[in-house]
Amino acid sequence: MSCTIRAATRDDLPQMLQLWREMMDFHAARDPRFRPMASPEGENAWASYLRKDILDSDTWCALVAEGDERLLGQIMGELREPAPVFQPETYGYVTDIVVKPEARRAGVGRALFEALREWMVDRGAAYLRLQVLTSNDASQGFWRAVGCADHSDILWYDLEAV
């Protein structure tokens, strides 16, 4: 599928929020512990965060895939530093990736990832980290296909169920 990868802008926010909601609902359907805010509060909070902290930041990268005059997907990542007890090397952290269902398995996600990877490498990131729900087989497969490997497990303990 033909698409252009470019930096997200404030003009993209309405479509980005639709993609964000699709991603939130997708994850919430796979795991009840994934609890995003309901509409429209969630979208309003995310839009505010994008405007205030992400879109104009030097340490964040927000990219969109555009095709047929609409957004087909988006990816976001942040440059981070490890805790001071570890070797000081900047790393990249992927916070979000979503591709519209009709554009999946057509190279859009890989193009987004490659552009984000390049952005991070250009800024000195030594490696990349991300989290994927264990119940999200599609994302597990995608991230492994682009070369990600297991590193650690994130465990969950429900304090309210005790």
N, C-alpha and C. Protein backbone atom coordinates (compact mmCIF):
# COMPACT_ATOMS: atom_id res chain seq x y z
N MET A 1 0.85 -1.18 0.00
CA MET A 1 0.00 0.00 0.00
C MET A 1 0.89 1.23 0.00
N SER A 2 0.60 2.18 -0.84
CA SER A 2 1.38 3.39 -0.95
C SER A 2 0.99 4.38 0.15
N CYS A 3 2.01 4.88 0.84
CA CYS A 3 1.76 5.88 1.87
C CYS A 3 2.99 6.74 2.04
N THR A 4 2.80 7.88 2.64
CA THR A 4 3.87 8.80 2.97
C THR A 4 3.98 8.85 4.49
N ILE A 5 5.19 8.71 4.99
CA ILE A 5 5.43 8.84 6.42
C ILE A 5 5.94 10.25 6.67
N ARG A 6 5.33 10.93 7.62
CA ARG A 6 5.72 12.31 7.93
C ARG A 6 5.46 12.60 9.39
N ALA A 7 6.03 13.71 9.86
CA ALA A 7 5.79 14.14 11.23
C ALA A 7 4.33 14.54 11.39
N ALA A 8 3.76 14.17 12.52
CA ALA A 8 2.38 14.56 12.84
C ALA A 8 2.33 16.05 13.12
N THR A 9 1.19 16.65 12.79
CA THR A 9 0.98 18.07 13.05
C THR A 9 -0.33 18.24 13.83
N ARG A 10 -0.54 19.41 14.32
CA ARG A 10 -1.79 19.72 15.03
C ARG A 10 -3.00 19.52 14.13
N ASP A 11 -2.84 19.74 12.84
CA ASP A 11 -3.95 19.53 11.91
C ASP A 11 -4.37 18.06 11.83
N ASP A 12 -3.47 17.16 12.20
CA ASP A 12 -3.76 15.72 12.17
C ASP A 12 -4.54 15.24 13.38
N LEU A 13 -4.66 16.08 14.40
CA LEU A 13 -5.24 15.63 15.67
C LEU A 13 -6.60 14.93 15.53
N PRO A 14 -7.56 15.43 14.77
CA PRO A 14 -8.84 14.72 14.71
C PRO A 14 -8.70 13.25 14.23
N GLN A 15 -7.90 13.04 13.20
CA GLN A 15 -7.71 11.67 12.72
C GLN A 15 -6.83 10.86 13.67
N MET A 16 -5.85 11.50 14.28
CA MET A 16 -5.00 10.81 15.25
C MET A 16 -5.82 10.33 16.44
N LEU A 17 -6.78 11.15 16.87
CA LEU A 17 -7.61 10.75 17.99
C LEU A 17 -8.51 9.58 17.63
N GLN A 18 -8.97 9.51 16.39
CA GLN A 18 -9.74 8.35 15.95
C GLN A 18 -8.88 7.09 15.97
N LEU A 19 -7.65 7.21 15.47
CA LEU A 19 -6.74 6.07 15.50
C LEU A 19 -6.43 5.65 16.94
N TRP A 20 -6.22 6.64 17.80
CA TRP A 20 -5.94 6.36 19.21
C TRP A 20 -7.10 5.58 19.83
N ARG A 21 -8.34 6.01 19.58
CA ARG A 21 -9.51 5.32 20.14
C ARG A 21 -9.59 3.89 19.62
N GLU A 22 -9.32 3.70 18.32
CA GLU A 22 -9.32 2.34 17.77
C GLU A 22 -8.32 1.47 18.51
N MET A 23 -7.13 2.02 18.77
CA MET A 23 -6.09 1.27 19.48
C MET A 23 -6.52 0.98 20.91
N MET A 24 -7.11 1.96 21.59
CA MET A 24 -7.54 1.76 22.97
C MET A 24 -8.62 0.67 23.05
N ASP A 25 -9.60 0.76 22.16
CA ASP A 25 -10.69 -0.22 22.16
C ASP A 25 -10.19 -1.62 21.80
N PHE A 26 -9.26 -1.69 20.87
CA PHE A 26 -8.65 -2.96 20.48
C PHE A 26 -8.00 -3.63 21.69
N HIS A 27 -7.21 -2.87 22.44
CA HIS A 27 -6.53 -3.44 23.60
C HIS A 27 -7.50 -3.77 24.74
N ALA A 28 -8.46 -2.89 24.97
CA ALA A 28 -9.43 -3.14 26.03
C ALA A 28 -10.24 -4.40 25.77
N ALA A 29 -10.49 -4.72 24.50
CA ALA A 29 -11.24 -5.94 24.15
C ALA A 29 -10.40 -7.19 24.42
N ARG A 30 -9.09 -7.05 24.49
CA ARG A 30 -8.21 -8.19 24.70
C ARG A 30 -7.85 -8.42 26.16
N ASP A 31 -7.99 -7.38 26.97
CA ASP A 31 -7.60 -7.53 28.37
C ASP A 31 -8.39 -6.52 29.21
N PRO A 32 -9.23 -6.99 30.13
CA PRO A 32 -10.05 -6.07 30.93
C PRO A 32 -9.22 -5.17 31.85
N ARG A 33 -7.95 -5.50 32.07
CA ARG A 33 -7.10 -4.66 32.90
C ARG A 33 -6.64 -3.41 32.15
N PHE A 34 -6.80 -3.41 30.85
CA PHE A 34 -6.45 -2.25 30.03
C PHE A 34 -7.67 -1.34 30.05
N ARG A 35 -7.59 -0.23 30.80
CA ARG A 35 -8.78 0.59 31.04
C ARG A 35 -8.56 2.04 30.63
N PRO A 36 -8.69 2.32 29.35
CA PRO A 36 -8.59 3.72 28.93
C PRO A 36 -9.82 4.51 29.36
N MET A 37 -9.66 5.81 29.43
CA MET A 37 -10.80 6.67 29.73
C MET A 37 -11.82 6.54 28.60
N ALA A 38 -13.10 6.69 28.95
CA ALA A 38 -14.17 6.62 27.96
C ALA A 38 -14.17 7.87 27.08
N SER A 39 -14.88 7.78 25.95
CA SER A 39 -15.07 8.95 25.07
C SER A 39 -16.08 9.88 25.71
N PRO A 40 -15.94 11.14 25.55
CA PRO A 40 -14.87 11.89 24.89
C PRO A 40 -13.74 12.29 25.84
N GLU A 41 -13.84 11.93 27.13
CA GLU A 41 -12.81 12.35 28.09
C GLU A 41 -11.42 11.83 27.70
N GLY A 42 -11.35 10.60 27.24
CA GLY A 42 -10.07 10.03 26.85
C GLY A 42 -9.44 10.78 25.69
N GLU A 43 -10.23 11.05 24.67
CA GLU A 43 -9.72 11.79 23.52
C GLU A 43 -9.30 13.20 23.91
N ASN A 44 -10.08 13.85 24.78
CA ASN A 44 -9.74 15.20 25.22
C ASN A 44 -8.42 15.20 25.99
N ALA A 45 -8.25 14.24 26.87
CA ALA A 45 -7.01 14.15 27.65
C ALA A 45 -5.82 13.85 26.74
N TRP A 46 -6.01 12.93 25.79
CA TRP A 46 -4.92 12.58 24.88
C TRP A 46 -4.57 13.76 23.98
N ALA A 47 -5.56 14.48 23.47
CA ALA A 47 -5.31 15.65 22.62
C ALA A 47 -4.53 16.71 23.39
N SER A 48 -4.90 16.94 24.63
CA SER A 48 -4.20 17.92 25.46
C SER A 48 -2.74 17.51 25.65
N TYR A 49 -2.52 16.23 25.95
CA TYR A 49 -1.16 15.72 26.14
C TYR A 49 -0.35 15.84 24.85
N LEU A 50 -0.96 15.50 23.72
CA LEU A 50 -0.26 15.63 22.44
C LEU A 50 0.15 17.08 22.18
N ARG A 51 -0.78 17.99 22.37
CA ARG A 51 -0.50 19.41 22.13
C ARG A 51 0.57 19.95 23.07
N LYS A 52 0.44 19.63 24.34
CA LYS A 52 1.29 20.22 25.37
C LYS A 52 2.66 19.58 25.47
N ASP A 53 2.73 18.26 25.39
CA ASP A 53 3.97 17.55 25.72
C ASP A 53 4.64 16.80 24.57
N ILE A 54 3.93 16.52 23.51
CA ILE A 54 4.51 15.63 22.50
C ILE A 54 4.84 16.34 21.19
N LEU A 55 3.89 17.01 20.59
CA LEU A 55 4.08 17.50 19.22
C LEU A 55 5.22 18.52 19.07
N ASP A 56 5.51 19.28 20.09
CA ASP A 56 6.58 20.27 19.99
C ASP A 56 7.82 19.88 20.79
N SER A 57 7.91 18.64 21.21
CA SER A 57 9.01 18.18 22.04
C SER A 57 10.21 17.74 21.21
N ASP A 58 11.40 17.95 21.75
CA ASP A 58 12.62 17.46 21.11
C ASP A 58 12.89 16.00 21.44
N THR A 59 12.24 15.48 22.48
CA THR A 59 12.50 14.10 22.88
C THR A 59 11.40 13.13 22.45
N TRP A 60 10.34 13.64 21.87
CA TRP A 60 9.25 12.81 21.37
C TRP A 60 9.23 12.85 19.84
N CYS A 61 8.79 11.75 19.26
CA CYS A 61 8.58 11.68 17.81
C CYS A 61 7.18 11.12 17.57
N ALA A 62 6.38 11.87 16.85
CA ALA A 62 5.03 11.42 16.47
C ALA A 62 4.97 11.44 14.95
N LEU A 63 4.80 10.27 14.37
CA LEU A 63 4.76 10.14 12.92
C LEU A 63 3.42 9.58 12.48
N VAL A 64 3.00 9.97 11.29
CA VAL A 64 1.77 9.43 10.71
C VAL A 64 2.07 8.87 9.34
N ALA A 65 1.26 7.90 8.95
CA ALA A 65 1.29 7.35 7.60
C ALA A 65 0.06 7.89 6.89
N GLU A 66 0.27 8.56 5.77
CA GLU A 66 -0.82 9.17 5.05
C GLU A 66 -0.93 8.55 3.67
N GLY A 67 -2.15 8.23 3.28
CA GLY A 67 -2.42 7.69 1.96
C GLY A 67 -3.84 8.01 1.57
N ASP A 68 -4.07 8.30 0.33
CA ASP A 68 -5.42 8.67 -0.14
C ASP A 68 -6.01 9.81 0.67
N GLU A 69 -5.16 10.78 1.04
CA GLU A 69 -5.58 11.99 1.76
C GLU A 69 -6.20 11.70 3.13
N ARG A 70 -5.80 10.61 3.75
CA ARG A 70 -6.25 10.29 5.11
C ARG A 70 -5.14 9.56 5.83
N LEU A 71 -5.23 9.54 7.15
CA LEU A 71 -4.22 8.84 7.94
C LEU A 71 -4.53 7.35 7.96
N LEU A 72 -3.50 6.57 7.68
CA LEU A 72 -3.61 5.12 7.71
C LEU A 72 -3.04 4.53 8.99
N GLY A 73 -2.20 5.31 9.66
CA GLY A 73 -1.59 4.82 10.89
C GLY A 73 -0.74 5.88 11.55
N GLN A 74 -0.26 5.55 12.73
CA GLN A 74 0.61 6.47 13.47
C GLN A 74 1.50 5.67 14.41
N ILE A 75 2.62 6.28 14.76
CA ILE A 75 3.54 5.69 15.73
C ILE A 75 4.12 6.83 16.55
N MET A 76 4.36 6.56 17.82
CA MET A 76 4.95 7.56 18.70
C MET A 76 6.02 6.91 19.56
N GLY A 77 7.06 7.66 19.78
CA GLY A 77 8.13 7.17 20.63
C GLY A 77 8.84 8.32 21.30
N GLU A 78 9.58 7.99 22.32
CA GLU A 78 10.25 8.98 23.15
C GLU A 78 11.68 8.55 23.41
N LEU A 79 12.58 9.51 23.46
CA LEU A 79 13.95 9.25 23.89
C LEU A 79 13.97 9.29 25.41
N ARG A 80 14.60 8.30 26.00
CA ARG A 80 14.66 8.22 27.47
C ARG A 80 16.09 7.94 27.92
N GLU A 81 16.33 8.18 29.19
CA GLU A 81 17.61 7.87 29.83
C GLU A 81 17.33 6.86 30.93
N PRO A 82 18.23 5.88 31.11
CA PRO A 82 18.02 4.91 32.18
C PRO A 82 18.23 5.55 33.56
N ALA A 83 17.81 4.85 34.58
CA ALA A 83 18.05 5.31 35.95
C ALA A 83 19.55 5.53 36.15
N PRO A 84 19.93 6.41 37.07
CA PRO A 84 21.35 6.77 37.21
C PRO A 84 22.26 5.64 37.65
N VAL A 85 21.74 4.50 38.05
CA VAL A 85 22.60 3.38 38.45
C VAL A 85 23.04 2.55 37.25
N PHE A 86 22.52 2.86 36.06
CA PHE A 86 22.88 2.13 34.85
C PHE A 86 23.79 2.98 33.97
N GLN A 87 24.47 2.32 33.05
CA GLN A 87 25.31 3.04 32.09
C GLN A 87 24.48 4.11 31.40
N PRO A 88 25.00 5.31 31.26
CA PRO A 88 24.21 6.40 30.66
C PRO A 88 24.16 6.29 29.13
N GLU A 89 23.13 5.65 28.65
CA GLU A 89 22.94 5.62 27.21
C GLU A 89 21.47 5.86 26.90
N THR A 90 21.25 6.78 26.00
CA THR A 90 19.89 7.12 25.59
C THR A 90 19.28 5.92 24.89
N TYR A 91 18.00 5.68 25.17
CA TYR A 91 17.29 4.62 24.46
C TYR A 91 15.95 5.15 23.97
N GLY A 92 15.39 4.46 23.02
CA GLY A 92 14.09 4.83 22.49
C GLY A 92 13.01 3.97 23.10
N TYR A 93 11.86 4.58 23.33
CA TYR A 93 10.72 3.85 23.89
C TYR A 93 9.52 4.10 22.99
N VAL A 94 8.97 3.05 22.42
CA VAL A 94 7.78 3.16 21.58
C VAL A 94 6.56 3.12 22.48
N THR A 95 5.74 4.16 22.41
CA THR A 95 4.55 4.21 23.26
C THR A 95 3.29 3.77 22.53
N ASP A 96 3.22 4.02 21.22
CA ASP A 96 2.00 3.74 20.48
C ASP A 96 2.32 3.39 19.03
N ILE A 97 1.59 2.45 18.50
CA ILE A 97 1.55 2.23 17.06
C ILE A 97 0.16 1.70 16.75
N VAL A 98 -0.42 2.23 15.71
CA VAL A 98 -1.73 1.74 15.27
C VAL A 98 -1.82 1.94 13.76
N VAL A 99 -2.37 0.94 13.09
CA VAL A 99 -2.60 1.00 11.65
C VAL A 99 -4.06 0.62 11.42
N LYS A 100 -4.73 1.38 10.57
CA LYS A 100 -6.14 1.08 10.26
C LYS A 100 -6.26 -0.35 9.75
N PRO A 101 -7.32 -1.06 10.10
CA PRO A 101 -7.46 -2.46 9.69
C PRO A 101 -7.27 -2.69 8.19
N GLU A 102 -7.79 -1.80 7.37
CA GLU A 102 -7.69 -2.00 5.92
C GLU A 102 -6.28 -1.78 5.38
N ALA A 103 -5.39 -1.21 6.20
CA ALA A 103 -4.02 -0.97 5.76
C ALA A 103 -3.02 -1.93 6.41
N ARG A 104 -3.49 -2.84 7.23
CA ARG A 104 -2.60 -3.78 7.90
C ARG A 104 -2.07 -4.83 6.92
N ARG A 105 -0.89 -5.32 7.25
CA ARG A 105 -0.22 -6.35 6.47
C ARG A 105 0.13 -5.86 5.06
N ALA A 106 0.30 -4.54 4.93
CA ALA A 106 0.64 -3.95 3.64
C ALA A 106 1.91 -3.10 3.73
N GLY A 107 2.65 -3.21 4.83
CA GLY A 107 3.90 -2.49 4.97
C GLY A 107 3.81 -1.14 5.66
N VAL A 108 2.60 -0.73 6.04
CA VAL A 108 2.44 0.58 6.68
C VAL A 108 3.09 0.59 8.07
N GLY A 109 2.83 -0.42 8.87
CA GLY A 109 3.43 -0.49 10.20
C GLY A 109 4.95 -0.55 10.13
N ARG A 110 5.48 -1.34 9.22
CA ARG A 110 6.93 -1.45 9.07
C ARG A 110 7.52 -0.10 8.64
N ALA A 111 6.85 0.61 7.72
CA ALA A 111 7.34 1.92 7.28
C ALA A 111 7.34 2.91 8.44
N LEU A 112 6.29 2.89 9.25
CA LEU A 112 6.25 3.75 10.44
C LEU A 112 7.39 3.41 11.38
N PHE A 113 7.58 2.11 11.64
CA PHE A 113 8.64 1.68 12.55
C PHE A 113 10.01 2.10 12.03
N GLU A 114 10.27 1.88 10.75
CA GLU A 114 11.58 2.23 10.19
C GLU A 114 11.85 3.72 10.31
N ALA A 115 10.84 4.55 10.08
CA ALA A 115 11.03 6.00 10.20
C ALA A 115 11.30 6.40 11.66
N LEU A 116 10.59 5.78 12.59
CA LEU A 116 10.84 6.07 14.01
C LEU A 116 12.21 5.56 14.42
N ARG A 117 12.57 4.37 13.98
CA ARG A 117 13.90 3.81 14.29
C ARG A 117 14.99 4.76 13.81
N GLU A 118 14.86 5.25 12.58
CA GLU A 118 15.85 6.17 12.03
C GLU A 118 15.92 7.46 12.85
N TRP A 119 14.78 7.99 13.24
CA TRP A 119 14.74 9.21 14.06
C TRP A 119 15.49 8.98 15.36
N MET A 120 15.27 7.83 15.98
CA MET A 120 15.92 7.53 17.26
C MET A 120 17.43 7.34 17.10
N VAL A 121 17.83 6.61 16.08
CA VAL A 121 19.26 6.40 15.82
C VAL A 121 19.95 7.73 15.57
N ASP A 122 19.33 8.59 14.77
CA ASP A 122 19.91 9.91 14.47
C ASP A 122 20.12 10.75 15.73
N ARG A 123 19.38 10.46 16.78
CA ARG A 123 19.48 11.22 18.03
C ARG A 123 20.26 10.47 19.10
N GLY A 124 20.94 9.41 18.71
CA GLY A 124 21.85 8.73 19.62
C GLY A 124 21.28 7.60 20.44
N ALA A 125 20.08 7.15 20.15
CA ALA A 125 19.52 6.03 20.93
C ALA A 125 20.32 4.76 20.65
N ALA A 126 20.63 4.02 21.71
CA ALA A 126 21.41 2.80 21.60
C ALA A 126 20.54 1.56 21.37
N TYR A 127 19.32 1.60 21.85
CA TYR A 127 18.40 0.48 21.71
C TYR A 127 16.98 0.98 21.85
N LEU A 128 16.04 0.09 21.67
CA LEU A 128 14.63 0.45 21.70
C LEU A 128 13.90 -0.50 22.65
N ARG A 129 12.93 0.04 23.38
CA ARG A 129 12.10 -0.76 24.27
C ARG A 129 10.64 -0.46 23.98
N LEU A 130 9.77 -1.41 24.30
CA LEU A 130 8.34 -1.24 24.15
C LEU A 130 7.63 -2.32 24.94
N GLN A 131 6.33 -2.14 25.13
CA GLN A 131 5.49 -3.13 25.80
C GLN A 131 4.40 -3.58 24.85
N VAL A 132 4.09 -4.87 24.91
CA VAL A 132 3.02 -5.44 24.09
C VAL A 132 2.20 -6.36 24.98
N LEU A 133 0.88 -6.23 24.92
CA LEU A 133 0.03 -7.16 25.67
C LEU A 133 0.33 -8.59 25.23
N THR A 134 0.43 -9.48 26.19
CA THR A 134 0.69 -10.88 25.83
C THR A 134 -0.47 -11.46 25.03
N SER A 135 -1.66 -10.91 25.19
CA SER A 135 -2.83 -11.40 24.46
C SER A 135 -3.00 -10.77 23.08
N ASN A 136 -2.06 -9.92 22.68
CA ASN A 136 -2.14 -9.24 21.38
C ASN A 136 -1.23 -9.97 20.39
N ASP A 137 -1.74 -11.06 19.84
CA ASP A 137 -0.95 -11.89 18.93
C ASP A 137 -0.46 -11.12 17.71
N ALA A 138 -1.29 -10.24 17.16
CA ALA A 138 -0.90 -9.50 15.96
C ALA A 138 0.31 -8.61 16.24
N SER A 139 0.26 -7.87 17.35
CA SER A 139 1.39 -7.00 17.69
C SER A 139 2.61 -7.79 18.10
N GLN A 140 2.41 -8.87 18.82
CA GLN A 140 3.54 -9.74 19.17
C GLN A 140 4.26 -10.18 17.90
N GLY A 141 3.50 -10.62 16.91
CA GLY A 141 4.09 -11.07 15.65
C GLY A 141 4.77 -9.94 14.90
N PHE A 142 4.14 -8.77 14.87
CA PHE A 142 4.74 -7.62 14.17
C PHE A 142 6.08 -7.26 14.78
N TRP A 143 6.12 -7.08 16.09
CA TRP A 143 7.35 -6.63 16.72
C TRP A 143 8.46 -7.65 16.58
N ARG A 144 8.13 -8.92 16.63
CA ARG A 144 9.16 -9.94 16.42
C ARG A 144 9.64 -9.94 14.97
N ALA A 145 8.73 -9.68 14.03
CA ALA A 145 9.10 -9.65 12.61
C ALA A 145 10.05 -8.50 12.28
N VAL A 146 9.96 -7.39 13.02
CA VAL A 146 10.88 -6.29 12.76
C VAL A 146 12.18 -6.43 13.56
N GLY A 147 12.30 -7.50 14.35
CA GLY A 147 13.55 -7.79 15.03
C GLY A 147 13.58 -7.65 16.53
N CYS A 148 12.46 -7.36 17.17
CA CYS A 148 12.42 -7.25 18.62
C CYS A 148 12.49 -8.64 19.26
N ALA A 149 13.09 -8.69 20.43
CA ALA A 149 13.23 -9.96 21.15
C ALA A 149 12.79 -9.75 22.60
N ASP A 150 12.43 -10.85 23.26
CA ASP A 150 12.05 -10.79 24.67
C ASP A 150 13.20 -10.21 25.50
N HIS A 151 12.82 -9.40 26.49
CA HIS A 151 13.81 -8.83 27.40
C HIS A 151 13.41 -9.04 28.85
N SER A 152 12.19 -8.68 29.21
CA SER A 152 11.73 -8.86 30.58
C SER A 152 10.21 -9.02 30.55
N ASP A 153 9.67 -9.49 31.63
CA ASP A 153 8.22 -9.61 31.75
C ASP A 153 7.70 -8.53 32.68
N ILE A 154 6.54 -8.00 32.35
CA ILE A 154 5.84 -7.08 33.24
C ILE A 154 4.72 -7.90 33.87
N LEU A 155 4.71 -7.95 35.18
CA LEU A 155 3.72 -8.76 35.90
C LEU A 155 2.65 -7.86 36.49
N TRP A 156 1.51 -8.45 36.80
CA TRP A 156 0.36 -7.70 37.29
C TRP A 156 -0.13 -8.35 38.58
N TYR A 157 -0.39 -7.55 39.57
CA TYR A 157 -0.98 -8.02 40.82
C TYR A 157 -2.11 -7.06 41.15
N ASP A 158 -3.33 -7.56 41.23
CA ASP A 158 -4.50 -6.70 41.43
C ASP A 158 -4.71 -6.48 42.93
N LEU A 159 -4.35 -5.30 43.42
CA LEU A 159 -4.46 -4.99 44.85
C LEU A 159 -5.92 -4.86 45.28
N GLU A 160 -6.81 -4.56 44.36
CA GLU A 160 -8.22 -4.44 44.71
C GLU A 160 -8.91 -5.79 44.87
N ALA A 161 -8.29 -6.84 44.36
CA ALA A 161 -8.90 -8.18 44.44
C ALA A 161 -8.50 -8.92 45.73
N VAL A 162 -7.64 -8.34 46.51
CA VAL A 162 -7.15 -9.01 47.73
C VAL A 162 -8.17 -8.94 48.83
